[in-house]
Amino acid sequence: MSHIDFDWSRAEQPSIAIVEAITAVTGRNSTDIPPLYDSINPDALNALVTAKGRKTSSDVSLTFSCDGVVLTVTGDGTVTARPDDR
């Protein structure tokens, strides 16, 4: 399992963090990972997780599977990744 903290208020985007988390769990190079949009819309992910106007940054949590990795992304900048054992 990999747990990475990011600051969404800076230039870091959740979609980039997802790729980093997948590489951390799988040990593969980012160029060996299928395009993220095969699993989730990266623009929608970025907009949802970094949306302004929420009462707290932890108001959103999204869990999905991508390339054999289960990922959870939260509005407070946390990305958790683990192998999908299904």
N, C-alpha and C. Protein backbone atom coordinates (compact mmCIF):
# COMPACT_ATOMS: atom_id res chain seq x y z
N MET A 1 0.85 -1.17 0.00
CA MET A 1 0.00 0.00 0.00
C MET A 1 0.89 1.23 0.00
N SER A 2 0.42 2.24 -0.69
CA SER A 2 1.14 3.49 -0.77
C SER A 2 0.21 4.62 -0.34
N HIS A 3 0.71 5.50 0.48
CA HIS A 3 -0.06 6.65 0.97
C HIS A 3 0.77 7.88 0.67
N ILE A 4 0.22 8.80 -0.15
CA ILE A 4 0.96 9.98 -0.55
C ILE A 4 0.09 11.20 -0.27
N ASP A 5 0.70 12.25 0.28
CA ASP A 5 -0.02 13.50 0.53
C ASP A 5 0.40 14.55 -0.48
N PHE A 6 -0.59 15.25 -1.03
CA PHE A 6 -0.36 16.30 -2.01
C PHE A 6 -1.06 17.57 -1.56
N ASP A 7 -0.68 18.69 -2.15
CA ASP A 7 -1.32 19.97 -1.87
C ASP A 7 -2.04 20.41 -3.14
N TRP A 8 -3.36 20.19 -3.18
CA TRP A 8 -4.12 20.53 -4.38
C TRP A 8 -4.15 22.02 -4.66
N SER A 9 -3.85 22.87 -3.67
CA SER A 9 -3.89 24.32 -3.89
C SER A 9 -2.67 24.79 -4.69
N ARG A 10 -1.68 23.94 -4.81
CA ARG A 10 -0.51 24.27 -5.63
C ARG A 10 -0.72 23.72 -7.03
N ALA A 11 0.29 23.60 -7.78
CA ALA A 11 0.17 23.16 -9.17
C ALA A 11 -0.12 21.67 -9.30
N GLU A 12 -0.02 20.92 -8.20
CA GLU A 12 -0.23 19.48 -8.26
C GLU A 12 -1.68 19.17 -8.62
N GLN A 13 -1.88 18.28 -9.57
CA GLN A 13 -3.22 17.88 -9.96
C GLN A 13 -3.46 16.43 -9.53
N PRO A 14 -4.67 16.13 -9.09
CA PRO A 14 -4.98 14.76 -8.67
C PRO A 14 -4.66 13.72 -9.74
N SER A 15 -4.90 14.03 -10.99
CA SER A 15 -4.63 13.04 -12.05
C SER A 15 -3.14 12.70 -12.13
N ILE A 16 -2.28 13.65 -11.90
CA ILE A 16 -0.83 13.39 -11.89
C ILE A 16 -0.47 12.57 -10.65
N ALA A 17 -1.10 12.89 -9.52
CA ALA A 17 -0.84 12.15 -8.28
C ALA A 17 -1.25 10.69 -8.43
N ILE A 18 -2.33 10.43 -9.16
CA ILE A 18 -2.78 9.06 -9.38
C ILE A 18 -1.71 8.25 -10.10
N VAL A 19 -1.14 8.84 -11.14
CA VAL A 19 -0.09 8.15 -11.89
C VAL A 19 1.11 7.86 -10.99
N GLU A 20 1.49 8.83 -10.17
CA GLU A 20 2.61 8.64 -9.24
C GLU A 20 2.30 7.51 -8.25
N ALA A 21 1.08 7.45 -7.79
CA ALA A 21 0.69 6.40 -6.84
C ALA A 21 0.72 5.02 -7.50
N ILE A 22 0.25 4.95 -8.73
CA ILE A 22 0.28 3.67 -9.44
C ILE A 22 1.71 3.20 -9.64
N THR A 23 2.61 4.09 -10.00
CA THR A 23 4.01 3.70 -10.18
C THR A 23 4.63 3.26 -8.86
N ALA A 24 4.23 3.90 -7.76
CA ALA A 24 4.76 3.52 -6.45
C ALA A 24 4.33 2.11 -6.06
N VAL A 25 3.10 1.75 -6.37
CA VAL A 25 2.57 0.43 -5.99
C VAL A 25 3.08 -0.66 -6.93
N THR A 26 3.14 -0.37 -8.21
CA THR A 26 3.48 -1.41 -9.19
C THR A 26 4.96 -1.50 -9.50
N GLY A 27 5.71 -0.42 -9.23
CA GLY A 27 7.13 -0.40 -9.56
C GLY A 27 7.41 -0.17 -11.03
N ARG A 28 6.36 0.13 -11.78
CA ARG A 28 6.52 0.38 -13.21
C ARG A 28 6.77 1.84 -13.50
N ASN A 29 7.29 2.11 -14.68
CA ASN A 29 7.51 3.47 -15.15
C ASN A 29 6.16 4.06 -15.58
N SER A 30 6.00 5.35 -15.44
CA SER A 30 4.73 5.98 -15.79
C SER A 30 4.38 5.80 -17.27
N THR A 31 5.38 5.62 -18.11
CA THR A 31 5.11 5.41 -19.54
C THR A 31 4.59 4.00 -19.83
N ASP A 32 4.68 3.11 -18.85
CA ASP A 32 4.19 1.74 -19.01
C ASP A 32 2.76 1.56 -18.50
N ILE A 33 2.17 2.63 -18.00
CA ILE A 33 0.81 2.59 -17.46
C ILE A 33 -0.17 3.03 -18.55
N PRO A 34 -1.27 2.31 -18.72
CA PRO A 34 -2.27 2.73 -19.72
C PRO A 34 -2.78 4.14 -19.40
N PRO A 35 -3.27 4.84 -20.40
CA PRO A 35 -3.79 6.20 -20.16
C PRO A 35 -4.84 6.20 -19.05
N LEU A 36 -4.76 7.19 -18.19
CA LEU A 36 -5.69 7.29 -17.07
C LEU A 36 -7.13 7.36 -17.54
N TYR A 37 -7.37 8.02 -18.67
CA TYR A 37 -8.75 8.17 -19.15
C TYR A 37 -9.39 6.84 -19.55
N ASP A 38 -8.62 5.75 -19.58
CA ASP A 38 -9.21 4.43 -19.80
C ASP A 38 -10.02 3.99 -18.57
N SER A 39 -9.72 4.59 -17.41
CA SER A 39 -10.40 4.21 -16.16
C SER A 39 -11.28 5.31 -15.59
N ILE A 40 -10.88 6.56 -15.80
CA ILE A 40 -11.61 7.69 -15.22
C ILE A 40 -11.30 8.95 -16.03
N ASN A 41 -12.22 9.88 -16.05
CA ASN A 41 -12.00 11.13 -16.76
C ASN A 41 -11.08 12.01 -15.92
N PRO A 42 -9.83 12.25 -16.35
CA PRO A 42 -8.89 13.02 -15.54
C PRO A 42 -9.35 14.45 -15.27
N ASP A 43 -9.99 15.10 -16.24
CA ASP A 43 -10.46 16.47 -16.03
C ASP A 43 -11.55 16.52 -14.98
N ALA A 44 -12.47 15.55 -15.03
CA ALA A 44 -13.54 15.48 -14.03
C ALA A 44 -12.96 15.18 -12.65
N LEU A 45 -12.00 14.27 -12.59
CA LEU A 45 -11.33 13.95 -11.32
C LEU A 45 -10.69 15.21 -10.72
N ASN A 46 -9.93 15.93 -11.53
CA ASN A 46 -9.27 17.14 -11.05
C ASN A 46 -10.29 18.16 -10.55
N ALA A 47 -11.36 18.36 -11.31
CA ALA A 47 -12.38 19.34 -10.93
C ALA A 47 -13.10 18.94 -9.65
N LEU A 48 -13.44 17.66 -9.53
CA LEU A 48 -14.15 17.19 -8.34
C LEU A 48 -13.31 17.31 -7.08
N VAL A 49 -12.08 16.85 -7.14
CA VAL A 49 -11.24 16.80 -5.94
C VAL A 49 -10.74 18.17 -5.53
N THR A 50 -10.54 19.07 -6.47
CA THR A 50 -10.00 20.39 -6.12
C THR A 50 -11.07 21.48 -6.11
N ALA A 51 -12.35 21.11 -6.19
CA ALA A 51 -13.44 22.09 -6.26
C ALA A 51 -13.40 23.06 -5.10
N LYS A 52 -13.56 24.30 -5.43
CA LYS A 52 -13.63 25.35 -4.41
C LYS A 52 -15.06 25.42 -3.86
N GLY A 53 -15.21 25.96 -2.67
CA GLY A 53 -16.54 26.17 -2.12
C GLY A 53 -17.04 25.08 -1.20
N ARG A 54 -16.27 24.01 -1.04
CA ARG A 54 -16.69 22.98 -0.08
C ARG A 54 -16.45 23.51 1.32
N LYS A 55 -17.24 23.02 2.27
CA LYS A 55 -17.08 23.47 3.65
C LYS A 55 -15.72 23.06 4.22
N THR A 56 -15.31 21.84 3.95
CA THR A 56 -13.98 21.39 4.37
C THR A 56 -13.34 20.64 3.22
N SER A 57 -12.05 20.51 3.28
CA SER A 57 -11.34 19.84 2.20
C SER A 57 -11.57 18.34 2.19
N SER A 58 -12.12 17.79 3.26
CA SER A 58 -12.35 16.36 3.31
C SER A 58 -13.77 16.00 2.89
N ASP A 59 -14.51 16.94 2.31
CA ASP A 59 -15.89 16.69 1.89
C ASP A 59 -16.00 15.70 0.74
N VAL A 60 -14.90 15.39 0.07
CA VAL A 60 -14.98 14.50 -1.08
C VAL A 60 -13.96 13.37 -0.95
N SER A 61 -14.39 12.19 -1.33
CA SER A 61 -13.52 11.02 -1.38
C SER A 61 -13.98 10.17 -2.55
N LEU A 62 -13.05 9.77 -3.37
CA LEU A 62 -13.36 8.99 -4.56
C LEU A 62 -12.47 7.76 -4.60
N THR A 63 -13.08 6.59 -4.75
CA THR A 63 -12.33 5.34 -4.84
C THR A 63 -12.66 4.68 -6.18
N PHE A 64 -11.61 4.24 -6.88
CA PHE A 64 -11.79 3.57 -8.16
C PHE A 64 -10.58 2.69 -8.43
N SER A 65 -10.71 1.84 -9.44
CA SER A 65 -9.64 0.93 -9.82
C SER A 65 -9.05 1.36 -11.15
N CYS A 66 -7.73 1.29 -11.24
CA CYS A 66 -7.04 1.66 -12.47
C CYS A 66 -5.82 0.77 -12.64
N ASP A 67 -5.77 0.03 -13.70
CA ASP A 67 -4.61 -0.79 -14.05
C ASP A 67 -4.17 -1.71 -12.91
N GLY A 68 -5.13 -2.36 -12.26
CA GLY A 68 -4.81 -3.31 -11.20
C GLY A 68 -4.49 -2.69 -9.86
N VAL A 69 -4.81 -1.41 -9.70
CA VAL A 69 -4.56 -0.70 -8.44
C VAL A 69 -5.86 -0.04 -7.99
N VAL A 70 -6.21 -0.21 -6.71
CA VAL A 70 -7.36 0.48 -6.13
C VAL A 70 -6.85 1.78 -5.53
N LEU A 71 -7.46 2.88 -5.95
CA LEU A 71 -7.01 4.21 -5.53
C LEU A 71 -8.13 4.94 -4.81
N THR A 72 -7.77 5.66 -3.76
CA THR A 72 -8.69 6.55 -3.08
C THR A 72 -8.05 7.93 -3.07
N VAL A 73 -8.80 8.91 -3.56
CA VAL A 73 -8.33 10.29 -3.64
C VAL A 73 -9.29 11.14 -2.82
N THR A 74 -8.75 12.01 -1.97
CA THR A 74 -9.60 12.86 -1.15
C THR A 74 -9.31 14.33 -1.41
N GLY A 75 -10.26 15.16 -1.03
CA GLY A 75 -10.12 16.59 -1.21
C GLY A 75 -9.04 17.22 -0.38
N ASP A 76 -8.58 16.52 0.66
CA ASP A 76 -7.53 17.10 1.50
C ASP A 76 -6.12 16.78 0.98
N GLY A 77 -6.04 16.11 -0.19
CA GLY A 77 -4.74 15.86 -0.79
C GLY A 77 -4.18 14.48 -0.55
N THR A 78 -4.96 13.58 0.00
CA THR A 78 -4.48 12.24 0.27
C THR A 78 -4.78 11.32 -0.91
N VAL A 79 -3.78 10.57 -1.32
CA VAL A 79 -3.96 9.52 -2.32
C VAL A 79 -3.46 8.23 -1.71
N THR A 80 -4.33 7.23 -1.65
CA THR A 80 -3.96 5.92 -1.13
C THR A 80 -4.11 4.92 -2.28
N ALA A 81 -3.12 4.07 -2.43
CA ALA A 81 -3.14 3.09 -3.52
C ALA A 81 -2.72 1.73 -2.98
N ARG A 82 -3.42 0.69 -3.46
CA ARG A 82 -3.07 -0.68 -3.08
C ARG A 82 -3.38 -1.58 -4.26
N PRO A 83 -2.69 -2.71 -4.36
CA PRO A 83 -2.99 -3.64 -5.45
C PRO A 83 -4.45 -4.12 -5.36
N ASP A 84 -5.07 -4.26 -6.50
CA ASP A 84 -6.44 -4.78 -6.57
C ASP A 84 -6.35 -6.30 -6.57
N ASP A 85 -6.73 -6.92 -5.47
CA ASP A 85 -6.58 -8.36 -5.29
C ASP A 85 -7.73 -9.18 -5.85
N ARG A 86 -8.61 -8.55 -6.61
CA ARG A 86 -9.76 -9.28 -7.17
C ARG A 86 -9.31 -10.26 -8.19
